[in-house]
PDB file of N, CA and C in Angstrom:
ATOM      1  N   MET A   1      16.472  -8.119  18.598  1.00  0.00           N
ATOM      2  CA  MET A   1      17.019  -6.913  19.181  1.00  0.00           C
ATOM      3  C   MET A   1      17.876  -6.162  18.166  1.00  0.00           C
ATOM      4  N   ASP A   2      18.567  -6.874  17.293  1.00  0.00           N
ATOM      5  CA  ASP A   2      19.402  -6.217  16.295  1.00  0.00           C
ATOM      6  C   ASP A   2      18.565  -5.422  15.296  1.00  0.00           C
ATOM      7  N   LEU A   3      17.381  -5.937  14.940  1.00  0.00           N
ATOM      8  CA  LEU A   3      16.512  -5.238  14.009  1.00  0.00           C
ATOM      9  C   LEU A   3      16.032  -3.920  14.606  1.00  0.00           C
ATOM     10  N   ILE A   4      15.604  -3.958  15.844  1.00  0.00           N
ATOM     11  CA  ILE A   4      15.131  -2.738  16.509  1.00  0.00           C
ATOM     12  C   ILE A   4      16.269  -1.734  16.646  1.00  0.00           C
ATOM     13  N   HIS A   5      17.433  -2.200  17.021  1.00  0.00           N
ATOM     14  CA  HIS A   5      18.593  -1.323  17.156  1.00  0.00           C
ATOM     15  C   HIS A   5      18.941  -0.688  15.800  1.00  0.00           C
ATOM     16  N   GLY A   6      18.896  -1.467  14.742  1.00  0.00           N
ATOM     17  CA  GLY A   6      19.191  -0.944  13.408  1.00  0.00           C
ATOM     18  C   GLY A   6      18.171   0.087  12.960  1.00  0.00           C
ATOM     19  N   LEU A   7      16.897  -0.162  13.277  1.00  0.00           N
ATOM     20  CA  LEU A   7      15.863   0.800  12.917  1.00  0.00           C
ATOM     21  C   LEU A   7      16.033   2.104  13.675  1.00  0.00           C
ATOM     22  N   LEU A   8      16.382   2.020  14.952  1.00  0.00           N
ATOM     23  CA  LEU A   8      16.548   3.232  15.745  1.00  0.00           C
ATOM     24  C   LEU A   8      17.736   4.058  15.274  1.00  0.00           C
ATOM     25  N   ILE A   9      18.772   3.393  14.802  1.00  0.00           N
ATOM     26  CA  ILE A   9      19.939   4.123  14.310  1.00  0.00           C
ATOM     27  C   ILE A   9      19.613   4.847  12.999  1.00  0.00           C
ATOM     28  N   HIS A  10      18.877   4.193  12.094  1.00  0.00           N
ATOM     29  CA  HIS A  10      18.605   4.765  10.782  1.00  0.00           C
ATOM     30  C   HIS A  10      17.319   5.574  10.734  1.00  0.00           C
ATOM     31  N   PHE A  11      16.527   5.584  11.783  1.00  0.00           N
ATOM     32  CA  PHE A  11      15.245   6.285  11.773  1.00  0.00           C
ATOM     33  C   PHE A  11      15.387   7.780  11.499  1.00  0.00           C
ATOM     34  N   PRO A  12      16.334   8.491  12.112  1.00  0.00           N
ATOM     35  CA  PRO A  12      16.441   9.932  11.817  1.00  0.00           C
ATOM     36  C   PRO A  12      16.777  10.230  10.360  1.00  0.00           C
ATOM     37  N   SER A  13      17.461   9.336   9.676  1.00  0.00           N
ATOM     38  CA  SER A  13      17.816   9.600   8.289  1.00  0.00           C
ATOM     39  C   SER A  13      16.613   9.525   7.362  1.00  0.00           C
ATOM     40  N   ILE A  14      15.518   8.946   7.819  1.00  0.00           N
ATOM     41  CA  ILE A  14      14.306   8.907   6.998  1.00  0.00           C
ATOM     42  C   ILE A  14      13.780  10.322   6.783  1.00  0.00           C
ATOM     43  N   PHE A  15      13.846  11.136   7.824  1.00  0.00           N
ATOM     44  CA  PHE A  15      13.302  12.477   7.749  1.00  0.00           C
ATOM     45  C   PHE A  15      14.317  13.518   7.285  1.00  0.00           C
ATOM     46  N   ALA A  16      15.567  13.173   7.223  1.00  0.00           N
ATOM     47  CA  ALA A  16      16.613  14.120   6.845  1.00  0.00           C
ATOM     48  C   ALA A  16      16.951  13.975   5.369  1.00  0.00           C
ATOM     49  N   GLN A  17      15.949  14.114   4.519  1.00  0.00           N
ATOM     50  CA  GLN A  17      16.163  13.991   3.087  1.00  0.00           C
ATOM     51  C   GLN A  17      16.448  15.365   2.493  1.00  0.00           C
ATOM     52  N   ARG A  18      17.290  15.383   1.480  1.00  0.00           N
ATOM     53  CA  ARG A  18      17.602  16.638   0.803  1.00  0.00           C
ATOM     54  C   ARG A  18      16.545  16.899  -0.261  1.00  0.00           C
ATOM     55  N   VAL A  19      15.989  18.077  -0.279  1.00  0.00           N
ATOM     56  CA  VAL A  19      14.956  18.442  -1.243  1.00  0.00           C
ATOM     57  C   VAL A  19      15.630  19.008  -2.480  1.00  0.00           C
ATOM     58  N   GLU A  20      15.445  18.325  -3.599  1.00  0.00           N
ATOM     59  CA  GLU A  20      16.043  18.774  -4.857  1.00  0.00           C
ATOM     60  C   GLU A  20      15.271  19.952  -5.441  1.00  0.00           C
ATOM     61  N   ASP A  21      13.952  19.833  -5.485  1.00  0.00           N
ATOM     62  CA  ASP A  21      13.108  20.852  -6.085  1.00  0.00           C
ATOM     63  C   ASP A  21      12.022  21.220  -5.083  1.00  0.00           C
ATOM     64  N   PRO A  22      12.004  22.435  -4.592  1.00  0.00           N
ATOM     65  CA  PRO A  22      11.034  22.793  -3.566  1.00  0.00           C
ATOM     66  C   PRO A  22       9.604  22.948  -4.081  1.00  0.00           C
ATOM     67  N   GLN A  23       9.410  22.818  -5.361  1.00  0.00           N
ATOM     68  CA  GLN A  23       8.070  22.970  -5.927  1.00  0.00           C
ATOM     69  C   GLN A  23       7.306  21.638  -5.851  1.00  0.00           C
ATOM     70  N   ILE A  24       7.007  21.228  -4.637  1.00  0.00           N
ATOM     71  CA  ILE A  24       6.388  19.913  -4.412  1.00  0.00           C
ATOM     72  C   ILE A  24       5.006  19.825  -5.061  1.00  0.00           C
ATOM     73  N   LEU A  25       4.199  20.865  -4.908  1.00  0.00           N
ATOM     74  CA  LEU A  25       2.845  20.827  -5.473  1.00  0.00           C
ATOM     75  C   LEU A  25       2.878  20.762  -6.999  1.00  0.00           C
ATOM     76  N   ASP A  26       3.843  21.426  -7.618  1.00  0.00           N
ATOM     77  CA  ASP A  26       3.974  21.328  -9.070  1.00  0.00           C
ATOM     78  C   ASP A  26       4.370  19.919  -9.497  1.00  0.00           C
ATOM     79  N   GLN A  27       5.242  19.279  -8.726  1.00  0.00           N
ATOM     80  CA  GLN A  27       5.631  17.901  -9.031  1.00  0.00           C
ATOM     81  C   GLN A  27       4.435  16.967  -8.905  1.00  0.00           C
ATOM     82  N   ILE A  28       3.637  17.150  -7.862  1.00  0.00           N
ATOM     83  CA  ILE A  28       2.454  16.307  -7.674  1.00  0.00           C
ATOM     84  C   ILE A  28       1.483  16.493  -8.825  1.00  0.00           C
ATOM     85  N   LYS A  29       1.259  17.743  -9.233  1.00  0.00           N
ATOM     86  CA  LYS A  29       0.349  18.027 -10.350  1.00  0.00           C
ATOM     87  C   LYS A  29       0.871  17.399 -11.640  1.00  0.00           C
ATOM     88  N   ASP A  30       2.168  17.556 -11.911  1.00  0.00           N
ATOM     89  CA  ASP A  30       2.741  16.984 -13.132  1.00  0.00           C
ATOM     90  C   ASP A  30       2.624  15.462 -13.147  1.00  0.00           C
ATOM     91  N   ASN A  31       2.890  14.827 -12.004  1.00  0.00           N
ATOM     92  CA  ASN A  31       2.784  13.369 -11.931  1.00  0.00           C
ATOM     93  C   ASN A  31       1.346  12.905 -12.073  1.00  0.00           C
ATOM     94  N   PHE A  32       0.404  13.639 -11.497  1.00  0.00           N
ATOM     95  CA  PHE A  32      -1.002  13.279 -11.634  1.00  0.00           C
ATOM     96  C   PHE A  32      -1.451  13.437 -13.088  1.00  0.00           C
ATOM     97  N   ASP A  33      -1.032  14.529 -13.739  1.00  0.00           N
ATOM     98  CA  ASP A  33      -1.375  14.723 -15.152  1.00  0.00           C
ATOM     99  C   ASP A  33      -0.817  13.588 -16.006  1.00  0.00           C
ATOM    100  N   TYR A  34       0.419  13.162 -15.734  1.00  0.00           N
ATOM    101  CA  TYR A  34       1.002  12.047 -16.474  1.00  0.00           C
ATOM    102  C   TYR A  34       0.229  10.758 -16.211  1.00  0.00           C
ATOM    103  N   PHE A  35      -0.199  10.561 -14.965  1.00  0.00           N
ATOM    104  CA  PHE A  35      -0.973   9.382 -14.590  1.00  0.00           C
ATOM    105  C   PHE A  35      -2.260   9.317 -15.403  1.00  0.00           C
ATOM    106  N   ILE A  36      -2.911  10.460 -15.594  1.00  0.00           N
ATOM    107  CA  ILE A  36      -4.147  10.500 -16.375  1.00  0.00           C
ATOM    108  C   ILE A  36      -3.862  10.325 -17.864  1.00  0.00           C
ATOM    109  N   GLN A  37      -2.889  11.073 -18.390  1.00  0.00           N
ATOM    110  CA  GLN A  37      -2.602  11.056 -19.822  1.00  0.00           C
ATOM    111  C   GLN A  37      -2.065   9.714 -20.306  1.00  0.00           C
ATOM    112  N   SER A  38      -1.339   9.009 -19.462  1.00  0.00           N
ATOM    113  CA  SER A  38      -0.741   7.749 -19.893  1.00  0.00           C
ATOM    114  C   SER A  38      -1.726   6.592 -19.871  1.00  0.00           C
ATOM    115  N   GLY A  39      -2.908   6.810 -19.311  1.00  0.00           N
ATOM    116  CA  GLY A  39      -3.910   5.752 -19.272  1.00  0.00           C
ATOM    117  C   GLY A  39      -3.786   4.833 -18.074  1.00  0.00           C
ATOM    118  N   GLN A  40      -2.892   5.139 -17.164  1.00  0.00           N
ATOM    119  CA  GLN A  40      -2.729   4.295 -15.985  1.00  0.00           C
ATOM    120  C   GLN A  40      -3.959   4.338 -15.086  1.00  0.00           C
ATOM    121  N   VAL A  41      -4.722   5.435 -15.173  1.00  0.00           N
ATOM    122  CA  VAL A  41      -5.943   5.529 -14.364  1.00  0.00           C
ATOM    123  C   VAL A  41      -6.943   4.456 -14.797  1.00  0.00           C
ATOM    124  N   TRP A  42      -6.961   4.137 -16.095  1.00  0.00           N
ATOM    125  CA  TRP A  42      -7.854   3.073 -16.576  1.00  0.00           C
ATOM    126  C   TRP A  42      -7.414   1.713 -16.043  1.00  0.00           C
ATOM    127  N   ALA A  43      -6.124   1.476 -16.020  1.00  0.00           N
ATOM    128  CA  ALA A  43      -5.613   0.211 -15.483  1.00  0.00           C
ATOM    129  C   ALA A  43      -5.949   0.091 -14.003  1.00  0.00           C
ATOM    130  N   LEU A  44      -5.842   1.192 -13.264  1.00  0.00           N
ATOM    131  CA  LEU A  44      -6.191   1.171 -11.844  1.00  0.00           C
ATOM    132  C   LEU A  44      -7.676   0.875 -11.652  1.00  0.00           C
ATOM    133  N   GLY A  45      -8.519   1.533 -12.425  1.00  0.00           N
ATOM    134  CA  GLY A  45      -9.963   1.317 -12.319  1.00  0.00           C
ATOM    135  C   GLY A  45     -10.357  -0.112 -12.675  1.00  0.00           C
ATOM    136  N   ILE A  46      -9.789  -0.641 -13.745  1.00  0.00           N
ATOM    137  CA  ILE A  46     -10.087  -2.016 -14.156  1.00  0.00           C
ATOM    138  C   ILE A  46      -9.585  -2.993 -13.103  1.00  0.00           C
ATOM    139  N   GLY A  47      -8.415  -2.716 -12.533  1.00  0.00           N
ATOM    140  CA  GLY A  47      -7.877  -3.586 -11.484  1.00  0.00           C
ATOM    141  C   GLY A  47      -8.759  -3.597 -10.249  1.00  0.00           C
ATOM    142  N   PHE A  48      -9.247  -2.426  -9.849  1.00  0.00           N
ATOM    143  CA  PHE A  48     -10.169  -2.376  -8.711  1.00  0.00           C
ATOM    144  C   PHE A  48     -11.447  -3.154  -9.012  1.00  0.00           C
ATOM    145  N   PHE A  49     -11.988  -2.988 -10.223  1.00  0.00           N
ATOM    146  CA  PHE A  49     -13.226  -3.671 -10.590  1.00  0.00           C
ATOM    147  C   PHE A  49     -13.042  -5.187 -10.615  1.00  0.00           C
ATOM    148  N   LEU A  50     -11.965  -5.642 -11.255  1.00  0.00           N
ATOM    149  CA  LEU A  50     -11.726  -7.087 -11.306  1.00  0.00           C
ATOM    150  C   LEU A  50     -11.411  -7.656  -9.926  1.00  0.00           C
ATOM    151  N   GLY A  51     -10.695  -6.900  -9.120  1.00  0.00           N
ATOM    152  CA  GLY A  51     -10.423  -7.339  -7.754  1.00  0.00           C
ATOM    153  C   GLY A  51     -11.691  -7.453  -6.936  1.00  0.00           C
ATOM    154  N   TYR A  52     -12.616  -6.512  -7.126  1.00  0.00           N
ATOM    155  CA  TYR A  52     -13.892  -6.572  -6.425  1.00  0.00           C
ATOM    156  C   TYR A  52     -14.700  -7.791  -6.884  1.00  0.00           C
ATOM    157  N   LEU A  53     -14.715  -8.046  -8.195  1.00  0.00           N
ATOM    158  CA  LEU A  53     -15.436  -9.219  -8.701  1.00  0.00           C
ATOM    159  C   LEU A  53     -14.823 -10.505  -8.157  1.00  0.00           C
ATOM    160  N   PHE A  54     -13.499 -10.576  -8.147  1.00  0.00           N
ATOM    161  CA  PHE A  54     -12.815 -11.758  -7.643  1.00  0.00           C
ATOM    162  C   PHE A  54     -13.155 -11.976  -6.173  1.00  0.00           C
ATOM    163  N   ARG A  55     -13.124 -10.892  -5.396  1.00  0.00           N
ATOM    164  CA  ARG A  55     -13.441 -10.991  -3.966  1.00  0.00           C
ATOM    165  C   ARG A  55     -14.898 -11.422  -3.765  1.00  0.00           C
ATOM    166  N   THR A  56     -15.792 -10.934  -4.618  1.00  0.00           N
ATOM    167  CA  THR A  56     -17.203 -11.292  -4.500  1.00  0.00           C
ATOM    168  C   THR A  56     -17.426 -12.775  -4.783  1.00  0.00           C
ATOM    169  N   PHE A  57     -16.745 -13.302  -5.795  1.00  0.00           N
ATOM    170  CA  PHE A  57     -16.954 -14.701  -6.144  1.00  0.00           C
ATOM    171  C   PHE A  57     -16.243 -15.678  -5.231  1.00  0.00           C
ATOM    172  N   THR A  58     -15.166 -15.235  -4.586  1.00  0.00           N
ATOM    173  CA  THR A  58     -14.409 -16.160  -3.742  1.00  0.00           C
ATOM    174  C   THR A  58     -14.766 -16.075  -2.270  1.00  0.00           C
ATOM    175  N   GLY A  59     -15.635 -15.178  -1.940  1.00  0.00           N
ATOM    176  CA  GLY A  59     -16.042 -15.309  -0.583  1.00  0.00           C
ATOM    177  C   GLY A  59     -16.254 -14.209   0.273  1.00  0.00           C
TER     178      GLY A  59
END
């Protein structure tokens, strides 16, 4: 009961965040460009491939 009560008290604060920079789409574009340029997309692709192979061999 304490967990539920605590969640209900703090739930409104999840949505009441202060927006520092209203240019959300520009931030998303910049982060996506960094994701591509830094090579993290390759790590994600390799991780998906190896995870699929692991899942295939284990069952």
